Structure formats: C-alpha cells, structure tokens
Protein backbone atom coordinates (compact mmCIF):
# COMPACT_ATOMS: atom_id res chain seq x y z
CA MET A 1 19.80 -1.28 44.71
CA ARG A 2 17.28 -2.28 42.04
CA TYR A 3 13.70 -1.16 42.48
CA GLY A 4 10.98 -3.33 40.96
CA PHE A 5 7.34 -4.39 41.23
CA ILE A 6 5.48 -7.63 41.82
CA ILE A 7 1.81 -7.85 40.87
CA ASP A 8 0.07 -10.65 42.77
CA ASN A 9 -2.81 -11.64 40.50
CA ARG A 10 -4.12 -14.00 43.19
CA LYS A 11 -5.19 -10.91 45.12
CA CYS A 12 -5.99 -8.28 42.47
CA ILE A 13 -9.73 -7.51 42.28
CA GLY A 14 -9.56 -5.08 39.34
CA CYS A 15 -10.77 -2.09 41.36
CA HIS A 16 -8.66 0.50 39.47
CA ALA A 17 -7.59 2.16 42.71
CA CYS A 18 -3.98 2.06 41.46
CA THR A 19 -4.98 3.85 38.26
CA VAL A 20 -6.81 6.60 40.13
CA ALA A 21 -4.03 7.01 42.70
CA CYS A 22 -1.42 7.26 39.96
CA LYS A 23 -3.39 9.88 38.06
CA THR A 24 -3.98 11.91 41.20
CA GLU A 25 -0.43 11.70 42.55
CA ASN A 26 1.26 12.53 39.25
CA HIS A 27 -1.38 14.82 37.70
CA VAL A 28 -1.81 12.52 34.69
CA PRO A 29 -4.20 14.07 32.12
CA LEU A 30 -7.29 12.39 30.77
CA THR A 31 -6.88 10.10 27.70
CA VAL A 32 -3.48 8.79 28.88
CA ASN A 33 -2.40 6.46 31.70
CA ARG A 34 0.76 5.55 33.55
CA THR A 35 -1.00 2.61 35.21
CA TRP A 36 -4.09 0.80 33.99
CA VAL A 37 -5.86 -2.50 34.64
CA LYS A 38 -6.61 -4.82 31.76
CA TYR A 39 -9.54 -7.26 32.06
CA VAL A 40 -9.68 -10.52 30.09
CA GLU A 41 -12.61 -12.94 30.29
CA LYS A 42 -12.06 -16.51 29.16
CA GLY A 43 -13.90 -19.79 28.99
CA THR A 44 -17.40 -20.83 27.94
CA PHE A 45 -20.46 -20.13 30.09
CA PRO A 46 -20.94 -21.19 32.81
CA ASN A 47 -17.26 -22.16 33.17
CA THR A 48 -15.77 -18.68 32.84
CA ARG A 49 -13.31 -16.54 34.76
CA ARG A 50 -12.02 -13.01 34.64
CA VAL A 51 -8.33 -12.21 34.97
CA PHE A 52 -6.79 -8.84 35.73
CA GLN A 53 -3.44 -7.37 34.78
CA VAL A 54 -2.02 -4.19 36.26
CA THR A 55 -0.02 -2.71 33.40
CA ARG A 56 2.67 -0.06 33.50
CA CYS A 57 6.36 0.66 32.89
CA ASN A 58 8.55 -2.37 33.59
CA HIS A 59 11.62 -0.36 34.67
CA CYS A 60 13.77 -2.69 32.61
CA GLU A 61 17.35 -3.61 33.46
CA ASN A 62 18.16 -2.95 29.82
CA PRO A 63 15.69 -0.18 28.90
CA PRO A 64 15.49 0.34 25.12
CA CYS A 65 13.74 3.69 25.63
CA VAL A 66 16.92 5.04 27.23
CA THR A 67 19.16 3.80 24.42
CA ILE A 68 17.07 5.25 21.61
CA CYS A 69 16.38 8.67 23.19
CA PRO A 70 18.50 11.19 21.23
CA VAL A 71 18.71 13.80 24.02
CA THR A 72 18.85 11.72 27.26
CA ALA A 73 15.31 12.71 28.20
CA MET A 74 14.81 9.07 29.19
CA TYR A 75 17.45 7.89 31.63
CA GLN A 76 18.09 5.12 34.14
CA ARG A 77 18.89 6.08 37.71
CA LYS A 78 21.42 4.27 39.89
CA ASP A 79 18.56 2.69 41.84
CA GLY A 80 17.19 1.07 38.65
CA ILE A 81 14.24 3.43 38.18
CA VAL A 82 13.77 4.49 34.55
CA ASP A 83 12.90 8.17 34.81
CA PHE A 84 12.30 10.98 32.33
CA SER A 85 12.95 14.70 32.01
CA SER A 86 10.21 16.76 30.39
CA ASP A 87 12.59 19.70 30.13
CA ARG A 88 14.94 17.79 27.83
CA CYS A 89 12.34 15.95 25.72
CA ILE A 90 11.92 17.02 22.08
CA GLY A 91 8.82 14.86 21.53
CA CYS A 92 10.33 12.61 18.85
CA LYS A 93 8.31 9.62 20.16
CA ALA A 94 11.18 7.21 19.50
CA CYS A 95 10.98 5.98 23.10
CA MET A 96 7.37 4.95 22.48
CA GLN A 97 8.50 2.81 19.54
CA ALA A 98 11.31 1.32 21.61
CA CYS A 99 9.05 0.28 24.50
CA PRO A 100 7.63 -3.24 23.95
CA TYR A 101 4.99 -2.65 26.66
CA ASP A 102 3.04 0.48 25.55
CA SER A 103 4.17 2.13 28.78
CA ILE A 104 5.12 5.56 27.39
CA TYR A 105 2.76 8.24 26.17
CA ILE A 106 2.95 11.85 24.98
CA ASP A 107 1.50 14.17 27.62
CA PRO A 108 -1.31 16.03 25.83
CA ASP A 109 -0.66 19.15 27.91
CA GLU A 110 3.14 19.27 27.81
CA GLY A 111 3.85 17.58 24.47
CA THR A 112 6.62 15.51 26.05
CA ALA A 113 7.05 11.81 26.79
CA ALA A 114 5.93 10.57 30.19
CA LYS A 115 5.34 7.28 32.00
CA CYS A 116 5.42 5.60 35.41
CA HIS A 117 8.56 6.78 37.22
CA TYR A 118 8.05 4.64 40.32
CA CYS A 119 6.80 7.75 42.14
CA ALA A 120 10.47 8.73 42.43
CA HIS A 121 9.58 11.86 44.41
CA ARG A 122 8.05 9.59 47.08
CA THR A 123 10.69 6.87 46.89
CA GLU A 124 13.46 9.40 47.51
CA VAL A 125 11.97 10.31 50.89
CA GLY A 126 11.33 6.72 51.96
CA LEU A 127 7.68 6.44 50.88
CA GLU A 128 6.16 3.74 48.69
CA PRO A 129 4.62 4.51 45.27
CA SER A 130 1.05 5.74 45.53
CA CYS A 131 -0.37 2.67 43.76
CA VAL A 132 1.16 0.42 46.45
CA VAL A 133 -0.27 2.47 49.30
CA VAL A 134 -3.80 2.61 47.91
CA CYS A 135 -4.19 -1.05 46.83
CA PRO A 136 -6.84 -2.56 49.18
CA GLU A 137 -5.59 -6.13 48.68
CA HIS A 138 -1.83 -5.56 48.83
CA ALA A 139 -1.65 -6.96 45.31
CA ILE A 140 1.11 -4.51 44.30
CA ILE A 141 4.43 -5.03 46.04
CA ALA A 142 7.30 -2.62 45.46
CA GLY A 143 10.81 -2.54 46.79
CA ASP A 144 14.48 -3.28 46.33
CA LEU A 145 15.01 -6.57 44.52
CA ASP A 146 18.54 -6.79 45.98
CA ALA A 147 17.39 -6.53 49.61
CA CYS A 148 17.27 -10.21 50.59
CA ASP A 149 15.18 -9.54 53.69
CA GLY A 150 12.61 -7.45 51.80
CA GLU A 151 9.12 -8.69 50.95
CA ILE A 152 9.55 -8.34 47.19
CA ALA A 153 12.84 -10.28 47.13
CA GLN A 154 11.38 -13.05 49.27
CA LEU A 155 8.28 -13.32 47.06
CA LEU A 156 10.46 -13.42 43.99
CA ALA A 157 12.52 -16.25 45.47
CA ARG A 158 9.49 -18.21 46.71
CA GLU A 159 6.78 -17.81 44.07
CA PRO A 160 6.79 -18.71 40.36
CA VAL A 161 6.57 -15.46 38.41
CA ARG A 162 6.58 -14.38 34.80
CA VAL A 163 7.26 -11.18 32.88
CA ARG A 164 5.90 -9.69 29.70
CA LYS A 165 7.83 -10.27 26.47
CA PRO A 166 11.02 -11.76 27.90
CA GLU A 167 12.16 -12.49 24.33
CA GLN A 168 12.87 -8.78 23.82
CA GLY A 169 15.88 -8.97 26.12
CA THR A 170 14.89 -5.90 28.13
CA ARG A 171 15.01 -7.83 31.46
CA PRO A 172 11.86 -6.22 32.90
CA LYS A 173 11.53 -5.73 36.66
CA LEU A 174 7.72 -5.97 36.74
CA TYR A 175 6.85 -9.53 37.77
CA TYR A 176 3.46 -11.23 37.81
CA ILE A 177 2.42 -13.98 40.21
CA ASP A 178 -0.22 -16.16 38.55
CA GLY A 179 0.06 -14.18 35.33
CA ASP A 180 -2.37 -15.51 32.73
CA GLU A 181 -1.28 -16.08 29.13
CA SER A 182 -4.41 -14.43 27.74
CA ALA A 183 -3.56 -11.15 29.49
CA ILE A 184 0.24 -11.27 29.37
CA VAL A 185 0.35 -11.83 25.58
CA PRO A 186 -1.24 -8.78 23.86
CA THR A 187 -2.39 -10.69 20.78
CA ALA A 188 -3.93 -13.64 22.66
CA ALA A 189 -7.39 -12.21 23.45
CA ARG A 190 -9.77 -10.75 20.91
CA HIS A 191 -10.98 -7.15 21.14
CA GLU A 192 -14.50 -6.16 20.12
CA SER A 193 -15.83 -2.69 19.32
CA ILE A 194 -16.97 -2.13 22.90
CA TYR A 195 -15.48 -2.85 26.30
CA MET A 196 -17.24 -3.44 29.60
CA TRP A 197 -17.66 0.26 30.37
CA ALA A 198 -16.60 2.00 27.19
CA GLU A 199 -16.16 1.86 23.45
CA ARG A 200 -12.70 1.23 22.03
CA ASN A 201 -11.08 4.59 21.47
CA GLN A 202 -10.17 4.42 17.79
CA SER A 203 -10.02 8.20 17.51
CA VAL A 204 -6.48 8.36 18.86
CA HIS A 205 -3.79 9.42 16.40
CA GLY A 206 -3.43 6.77 13.72
CA GLY A 207 -6.27 4.64 15.10
CA GLY A 208 -4.15 2.71 17.58
CA ALA A 209 -3.63 -1.04 17.51
CA ILE A 210 -5.48 -3.25 15.01
CA TYR A 211 -7.05 -6.54 16.07
CA PRO A 212 -7.99 -8.68 13.04
CA PRO A 213 -10.67 -11.20 14.02
CA ASP A 214 -9.03 -13.93 11.94
CA SER A 215 -5.61 -13.65 13.56
CA PRO A 216 -4.08 -17.13 14.06
CA LEU A 217 -2.58 -15.94 17.37
CA LEU A 218 -5.95 -15.53 19.10
CA GLN A 219 -6.82 -17.93 21.92
CA LYS A 220 -10.19 -19.57 21.73
CA ASN A 221 -12.79 -18.04 24.07
CA ALA A 222 -10.55 -15.25 25.38
CA LEU A 223 -12.10 -11.76 25.23
CA THR A 224 -10.62 -8.49 26.42
CA ALA A 225 -13.39 -6.95 28.49
CA TYR A 226 -11.54 -3.74 29.41
CA ASP A 227 -8.37 -2.05 28.20
CA VAL A 228 -7.07 1.35 27.15
CA SER A 229 -6.16 2.49 23.65
CA HIS A 230 -2.68 3.49 22.55
CA ALA A 231 -1.80 5.73 19.65
CA ARG A 232 0.47 4.93 16.75
CA PRO A 233 3.29 7.32 17.64
CA TRP A 234 4.59 8.19 14.16
CA GLY A 235 2.37 9.72 11.50
CA TRP A 236 2.67 10.10 7.73
CA GLN A 237 5.82 12.21 8.09
CA VAL A 238 7.97 9.15 8.87
CA PRO A 239 7.15 7.05 5.77
CA ALA A 240 7.49 10.26 3.74
CA TYR A 241 10.88 10.86 5.39
CA CYS A 242 12.03 7.34 4.43
CA TRP A 243 11.01 8.05 0.83
CA THR A 244 12.60 11.49 0.51
CA LYS A 245 15.77 10.20 2.17
CA SER A 246 16.00 7.38 -0.38
CA ILE A 247 15.73 9.89 -3.23
CA GLY A 248 18.23 12.28 -1.66
CA SER A 249 20.80 9.65 -0.75
CA GLY A 250 20.61 7.78 -4.06
CA ALA A 251 20.49 10.65 -6.55
CA LEU A 252 24.20 10.55 -7.43
CA ALA A 253 24.79 6.81 -6.99
CA ILE A 254 23.77 5.38 -10.36
CA PRO A 255 25.87 7.81 -12.47
CA ALA A 256 28.85 7.18 -10.15
CA ILE A 257 28.55 3.40 -10.63
CA ALA A 258 28.02 3.80 -14.40
CA MET A 259 31.11 6.03 -14.67
CA LEU A 260 33.13 3.46 -12.71
CA LEU A 261 32.02 0.77 -15.19
CA GLY A 262 32.75 2.99 -18.19
CA ARG A 263 29.08 3.29 -19.18
CA LEU A 264 28.81 7.06 -18.72
CA ALA A 265 31.17 10.01 -19.02
CA ALA A 266 31.41 12.89 -16.57
CA ASP A 267 28.85 15.64 -17.20
CA ARG A 268 29.00 18.92 -15.30
CA TRP A 269 25.39 19.90 -15.97
CA ARG A 270 24.06 16.47 -14.97
CA ASP A 271 26.15 16.51 -11.79
CA LEU A 272 24.82 19.95 -10.92
CA VAL A 273 21.18 18.91 -11.37
CA LEU A 274 21.54 15.60 -9.51
CA SER A 275 23.42 17.19 -6.59
CA SER A 276 20.68 19.84 -6.41
CA ILE A 277 18.08 17.05 -6.20
CA ALA A 278 20.14 15.32 -3.50
CA LEU A 279 20.36 18.50 -1.42
CA LEU A 280 16.68 19.34 -1.95
CA PHE A 281 15.39 15.94 -0.86
CA THR A 282 17.82 15.74 2.06
CA ALA A 283 16.50 19.13 3.20
CA LEU A 284 12.92 17.80 2.83
CA THR A 285 13.96 14.78 4.92
CA THR A 286 15.17 17.09 7.69
CA LEU A 287 11.99 19.15 7.43
CA LEU A 288 9.81 16.05 7.81
CA LEU A 289 11.83 14.87 10.82
CA VAL A 290 11.36 18.23 12.53
CA TRP A 291 7.69 18.35 11.51
CA ASP A 292 6.99 15.11 13.38
CA LEU A 293 8.47 16.44 16.65
CA GLU A 294 6.09 17.58 19.38
CA HIS A 295 8.62 20.25 20.41
CA LYS A 296 9.93 21.53 17.10
CA ALA A 297 11.82 24.44 18.67
CA ARG A 298 14.03 21.97 20.53
CA PHE A 299 15.26 20.01 17.51
CA LEU A 300 18.80 21.42 17.65
CA ARG A 301 19.31 19.60 20.96
CA VAL A 302 19.86 16.46 18.87
CA VAL A 303 23.00 18.15 17.51
CA PHE A 304 24.22 20.10 20.53
CA THR A 305 23.33 17.69 23.37
CA PRO A 306 23.14 14.27 21.67
CA GLN A 307 22.92 10.90 23.36
CA SER A 308 25.66 8.98 21.59
CA LYS A 309 24.01 5.54 21.57
CA SER A 310 20.86 6.74 19.82
CA TRP A 311 20.72 6.13 16.09
CA LEU A 312 18.36 9.09 15.85
CA ALA A 313 21.23 11.30 17.02
CA ARG A 314 23.82 9.44 14.94
CA GLY A 315 21.58 9.73 11.90
CA ALA A 316 21.40 13.50 12.33
CA PHE A 317 25.19 13.72 12.08
CA ILE A 318 25.23 11.39 9.07
CA LEU A 319 22.69 13.63 7.30
CA ILE A 320 24.78 16.68 8.18
CA ALA A 321 27.90 15.00 6.75
CA TYR A 322 26.05 14.00 3.59
CA SER A 323 24.62 17.50 3.17
CA GLY A 324 28.09 18.98 3.65
CA LEU A 325 29.71 16.73 1.05
CA GLY A 326 26.77 17.20 -1.30
CA GLY A 327 27.04 20.97 -0.89
CA LEU A 328 30.76 20.94 -1.69
CA PHE A 329 30.10 18.72 -4.72
CA TRP A 330 27.39 21.15 -5.86
CA LEU A 331 29.72 24.15 -5.50
CA ALA A 332 32.46 22.36 -7.43
CA SER A 333 29.94 21.65 -10.21
CA VAL A 334 28.75 25.26 -10.27
CA PHE A 335 32.28 26.60 -10.68
CA GLY A 336 33.31 23.91 -13.13
CA LEU A 337 36.00 22.39 -10.90
CA GLY A 338 36.01 18.99 -12.58
CA SER A 339 38.97 17.59 -10.66
CA ILE A 340 37.29 18.47 -7.35
CA THR A 341 34.00 16.82 -8.37
CA VAL A 342 35.91 13.65 -9.28
CA ILE A 343 37.53 13.62 -5.83
CA LEU A 344 34.23 14.33 -4.01
CA LEU A 345 31.91 12.04 -6.00
CA TRP A 346 32.56 8.69 -4.32
CA PRO A 347 32.89 10.01 -0.74
CA THR A 348 29.53 11.72 -1.28
CA VAL A 349 27.95 8.55 -2.67
CA ILE A 350 29.33 6.35 0.14
CA VAL A 351 28.13 8.71 2.87
CA GLY A 352 24.80 8.77 0.99
CA PHE A 353 24.60 4.99 1.40
CA PHE A 354 25.15 5.45 5.14
CA ALA A 355 22.40 8.10 5.13
CA ALA A 356 20.08 5.61 3.48
CA MET A 357 21.09 2.77 5.79
CA TYR A 358 21.12 4.32 9.28
CA THR A 359 17.32 4.15 9.56
CA ALA A 360 17.65 0.35 9.69
CA PHE A 361 19.69 0.66 12.90
CA LEU A 362 17.25 3.23 14.29
CA PHE A 363 14.38 0.83 13.58
CA GLY A 364 16.49 -1.91 15.15
CA GLN A 365 16.39 0.05 18.41
CA CYS A 366 12.57 0.06 18.26
CA GLU A 367 12.15 -3.06 20.41
CA GLY A 368 8.37 -2.69 20.33
CA ARG A 369 8.23 -3.06 16.53
CA ASP A 370 9.63 -6.45 15.53
CA LEU A 371 8.67 -6.06 11.86
CA TRP A 372 11.25 -3.27 11.54
CA GLN A 373 14.07 -5.37 12.95
CA THR A 374 14.56 -7.62 9.94
CA PRO A 375 18.27 -8.22 9.20
CA LEU A 376 17.53 -7.50 5.53
CA LEU A 377 16.57 -3.89 6.23
CA PRO A 378 20.06 -2.28 5.87
CA VAL A 379 20.51 -3.89 2.45
CA HIS A 380 16.92 -3.10 1.51
CA LEU A 381 17.36 0.60 2.27
CA VAL A 382 20.46 0.78 0.07
CA VAL A 383 18.54 -0.98 -2.73
CA GLN A 384 15.69 1.52 -2.27
CA ALA A 385 18.17 4.41 -2.56
CA LEU A 386 19.58 2.93 -5.79
CA LEU A 387 16.04 2.37 -7.08
CA CYS A 388 15.17 6.01 -6.42
CA GLY A 389 18.44 7.15 -8.01
CA ALA A 390 17.63 5.16 -11.14
CA ALA A 391 14.06 6.51 -11.23
CA VAL A 392 15.29 10.09 -10.89
CA LEU A 393 17.84 9.49 -13.68
CA VAL A 394 15.28 8.03 -16.05
CA LEU A 395 13.04 11.06 -15.43
CA LEU A 396 15.87 13.54 -16.08
CA PRO A 397 14.90 15.83 -19.01
CA SER A 398 17.39 16.30 -21.81
CA ALA A 399 17.66 19.98 -20.90
CA PHE A 400 18.96 18.98 -17.46
CA GLY A 401 21.54 16.37 -18.41
CA GLY A 402 19.36 13.57 -19.72
CA SER A 403 20.38 11.77 -22.91
CA PRO A 404 19.64 8.45 -24.66
CA GLN A 405 22.78 6.99 -23.09
CA VAL A 406 21.81 8.21 -19.60
CA TRP A 407 18.26 6.91 -20.00
CA ALA A 408 19.51 3.51 -21.20
CA VAL A 409 21.70 3.16 -18.09
CA ALA A 410 18.86 4.35 -15.89
CA ARG A 411 16.39 1.84 -17.40
CA GLU A 412 18.79 -1.04 -16.74
CA ALA A 413 19.48 0.12 -13.20
CA LEU A 414 15.78 0.63 -12.50
CA GLY A 415 14.97 -2.88 -13.72
CA PHE A 416 17.67 -4.52 -11.59
CA THR A 417 16.83 -2.56 -8.44
CA LEU A 418 13.10 -3.26 -8.83
CA VAL A 419 13.83 -6.99 -9.03
CA PHE A 420 16.02 -6.84 -5.91
CA HIS A 421 13.41 -4.72 -4.11
CA LEU A 422 10.62 -7.20 -4.87
CA LEU A 423 12.77 -10.18 -3.87
CA ILE A 424 13.59 -8.57 -0.51
CA VAL A 425 9.93 -7.69 0.03
CA ALA A 426 9.00 -11.31 -0.69
CA ALA A 427 11.63 -12.52 1.77
CA GLU A 428 10.49 -10.09 4.46
CA PHE A 429 6.79 -10.92 4.23
CA MET A 430 6.50 -14.46 2.83
CA MET A 431 9.17 -16.22 4.90
CA PRO A 432 8.50 -17.45 8.48
CA HIS A 433 8.93 -14.79 11.16
CA SER A 434 10.97 -15.15 14.32
CA THR A 435 8.41 -13.56 16.66
CA ASP A 436 4.63 -13.36 16.91
CA ASN A 437 4.90 -9.56 16.83
CA SER A 438 6.56 -9.50 13.41
CA ALA A 439 4.26 -12.24 12.05
CA TYR A 440 1.24 -10.24 13.23
CA ALA A 441 2.50 -7.06 11.52
CA ALA A 442 3.30 -8.92 8.29
CA ARG A 443 -0.20 -10.39 8.29
CA LEU A 444 -1.69 -6.91 8.70
CA ILE A 445 0.13 -5.94 5.51
CA THR A 446 -0.53 -9.01 3.39
CA HIS A 447 -4.00 -10.03 4.65
CA GLY A 448 -5.24 -7.17 6.84
CA PRO A 449 -6.29 -3.54 6.35
CA PHE A 450 -3.13 -2.66 4.39
CA LYS A 451 -3.44 -5.49 1.88
CA THR A 452 -5.01 -3.48 -0.98
CA TRP A 453 -2.39 -0.74 -0.79
CA PHE A 454 0.37 -3.31 -0.48
CA TRP A 455 -0.59 -5.72 -3.24
CA ALA A 456 -2.18 -3.29 -5.71
CA GLY A 457 0.00 -0.28 -5.00
CA ALA A 458 3.42 -1.37 -3.77
CA VAL A 459 3.74 -4.74 -5.53
CA VAL A 460 1.72 -4.56 -8.76
CA ALA A 461 1.58 -0.85 -9.69
CA GLY A 462 4.93 0.02 -8.12
CA GLY A 463 6.89 -3.15 -8.92
CA ILE A 464 5.54 -5.57 -11.51
CA LEU A 465 3.99 -3.00 -13.87
CA PRO A 466 7.14 -0.84 -14.21
CA LEU A 467 9.17 -4.01 -14.81
CA LEU A 468 6.80 -5.00 -17.62
CA LEU A 469 7.11 -1.52 -19.12
CA LEU A 470 10.91 -1.73 -18.99
CA TRP A 471 11.21 -5.27 -20.34
CA LEU A 472 8.30 -5.71 -22.76
CA VAL A 473 7.64 -2.23 -24.14
CA PRO A 474 10.14 -0.81 -26.67
CA ALA A 475 12.65 1.53 -25.09
CA ASP A 476 10.95 4.79 -26.00
CA PHE A 477 10.80 8.09 -24.16
CA TYR A 478 7.50 7.54 -22.39
CA SER A 479 7.73 3.93 -21.17
CA GLY A 480 10.82 4.71 -19.09
CA LYS A 481 9.28 7.86 -17.63
CA ILE A 482 6.06 6.07 -16.65
CA ALA A 483 8.06 3.21 -15.12
CA GLY A 484 10.10 5.69 -13.07
CA VAL A 485 7.00 7.48 -11.76
CA LEU A 486 5.29 4.17 -10.89
CA ALA A 487 8.40 2.88 -9.11
CA LEU A 488 8.66 6.02 -6.96
CA ALA A 489 4.94 5.96 -6.15
CA GLY A 490 5.05 2.24 -5.32
CA LEU A 491 7.99 2.74 -2.99
CA LEU A 492 6.15 5.53 -1.14
CA ILE A 493 3.15 3.22 -0.70
CA PHE A 494 5.41 0.45 0.55
CA GLU A 495 7.04 2.78 3.09
CA TRP A 496 3.60 3.81 4.36
CA CYS A 497 2.46 0.18 4.78
CA PHE A 498 5.74 -0.83 6.43
CA VAL A 499 5.80 2.01 8.96
CA MET A 500 2.09 2.05 9.79
CA ALA A 501 1.57 -1.71 10.02
CA GLY A 502 4.70 -2.09 12.12
CA GLN A 503 3.24 0.14 14.81
CA SER A 504 -0.31 -1.24 14.56
CA VAL A 505 0.55 -4.41 16.50
CA PRO A 506 -0.81 -4.29 20.07
CA ASN A 507 1.97 -4.22 22.67
CA SER A 508 -0.23 -4.36 25.76
C-alpha cells in the first residue's frame, strides 16, 4: 500500500476550498499552511492565462525529512504516509531544510514541526482526506497507488503527469496532470511586492525567500499572482555555530602538525591554553545549537533517543567524543602528565577534524538547499578549522604560550589556509552549478543582497587583506595579530552569507 495524490490542473479552479478544509480539519493556525494554492499568470494581454497549483507535502518514497530528523519525530508509515509526532519533536527545523518543497512549518502554538499528514486520522477509518472531500471539481484524487483498480492508479497509468523537483531523488507521490512549468518550478515566475489579495509577507523570520528581478531563471511574462511566504528556518545561531565549531575543532591542530614536522616543541602551558580554548568554543557550539531549538528542554533526546541516520544526531556524539578527549588532554596538561598529552594529542586532533567535517554531511541531508551540498564542503570545513587554529595561534599572547617561533609557524599556516579557503570559495561560487537551486543561491551571494558582505567582508577584508598583511608587511607583532582578527571576522561573515543565502532560494 502506497498512498499518494494526483492534482488534476485541468479541473482546479483555484477556489482554496482545500486550504480552508485542511485548516479546519487539522486546526492549522494562522500564518502557516499545510495546503495552499499558488496562482501564476502568464502571457501578454490579451493572450493570458492563469494556472493553479495545489501545493503540499509530497509524501515521498524516499523522504529526506525522515532521514535528517534526529529524534524520529518525522517518520514514514507502512502505508507510505509521511507523518510526524509533536510529542517527540525538539524543534531543530532540520526537516524544513531537508524538504525540497517548503511543505513543513513550525507550528506557532506548539513550537514543533508539522505538515500535511494525509489526514491519517481519517484515512485509518476508511475516509478520504478532507481536501479531497471538499473539492467541488474533484481536482484532488487520493488513494492507494498500488491498487490497480483504483481511480488514482488508473489516472496515473493513463495520463501524462509530472512531479516537482524530480532531480532531488525523493520520488514524490504528489503528481500533477497538466502541471505548468511556471508554477512547478519555484524560480520560474517573478514575484512582486503585492499579490492578488495580499502583500508578500516579508516579516516572517529571516525574511523568507528572495526573488531577484534580474534572475536568469525567470520566464518571460510569468507572474506569481498569489502564494504564501515561508520562513528561513535557521537564524544567526547556525552560522555562529559553524564559526565557533571551526575555532574549537582546530585550536590544537596547527601545533600538532608543527610538532610532527619538527617546527615546534611540546609546551605544557601552550597546550593548556589551547585545549581550554577548544573546550570553551565547543561548549559555545553546543550552546548555540540548543539556543536555536524551539523546544530547548528536549535537547537531550538527541543523545538518549537518537535516530541513527541523522547527521544531527551523529554530530552530537562526535562533539561529545571531542569534548571528552579534549577534557582528558586538558587534565593531563594541568597535572603535567607530558606522556599522556603526547598520547592524547593526535586522537584529539583527528576527532576534532571529524567535528569540523560532520556539518558537511548534515548539510548534505538538506535536500532543499543545493548550495550546501557541494562535494568540496567536507574539505572546506577542515580548511576552515585549520585557518581558525592558525588565527588563534597567531593571537596567542606571550604570557599564554605565544613566542616568536609559535607566531612564525602560525603566520605561515594562516597564509596557506587563507589561500586554500579563497580557492575553494572561488570554486564553489565561480564554477558552473549542477542545479538551478544552487546557481540561484550562489547568485544571491555574488550578485544579490549578500554581495556587499561577501565581496567586501568575506573576500577582501577577511581574505585578501590579511594575506597582504602576512606577505607584504614585515613580520612584526601587530601585522600578524591584525591578520588573525580579520581572518576570523571574514570567516564569520562567509558563514553567515553561506547559511542565509542557501535557505533564501524559493522551494515552492
């Protein structure tokens, strides 16, 4: 048994009865929707037409929201319905990033994720979803796709249909008869400041999707006349978390590599200070992760009832392992156990690299954010950790383990990692992109509302200027310190652009 929907656009009249029925049946609050109807007008007067698209959860065969959920609050039933449990949800909003269709929202009353669940309470007793019952044109057909004698299976076999974003590999079970490209593709029609009956709601958290008027993906003479706004799920805490995690996971790496190459000797006081920085910034990383949850009191469920496929859950255990090793290394440094610190140093550094890198796999599970799924991201995150480790080392005062030899190593490491960072950034944003979604997000960064922060802050002030200070200015005390501060600030700006632009692409 596999439940699914067919929307027959030959019959839909855009009456919104399905939206109202869904809200009434499931007590959906204002400002959010499980089902909504998108209007697109296209053509040139007098040769114009209006197309409708009933939009909702696609109940995918391969639902990415289920895979990414760290506590199994999103789950797939045996009948194919993708359902959710408000009681389990911690409000991490990862499922919203994983959904390529904008189908999931945070309930403003409960603070938990919610979406269309195929009116499972009705389906279980043999009734059809409320949107099907109320549709005056029988434009919404629901049923078992495996039942050969059923209406939905026969329509699917007889009529040409299409789905939204098949390239994501989610195998959606929401099919459209006579689906129009201008409505199916979220970036095809332009959005103006007002809709047919309302203004665009740009007051939602983060401002929602961004529609640049000069986007090369826009179709000529296609205008979205009515739609609903969707929030950017993750706020400033997530780019800040990426930044603090890079500092925490890379704090010990540069001295470890320099000692391996014979450039630095062991130093108990330096090890104590750097391990303290690692523990402090890893703790700040955890704090920021919890801060961004809608249900902060439930955060321990990620540890005690984890969903093993989720990289959010796996990342929690990696951070715990890194904190444990870092804590043991710190204790060994406090008590002057040099042989123990030698044994613990490289295991701590290697687990730190995993702590830096796991976010790439978490972002890879965010099927709705193609910009984050670059294959360069795991390497880039390790380079960012090394960059932060070098910047921390160059800023280390002499009273806390800094010395001319340490600063010389740190300057070299900072220069190399800045070059690698800028090269990866150039590859990520200047090279052709595999999907329209990622190209759209990259354009928002390089030519859209994030361009000033990106070019002036992340590239020039945070990349090129510190390199010039390191290479052209004599190696004095202040040039290295200024370069380290600029590099850290530039990386924070880059993380903000990368996270915010990635979730500013319209998915519906």
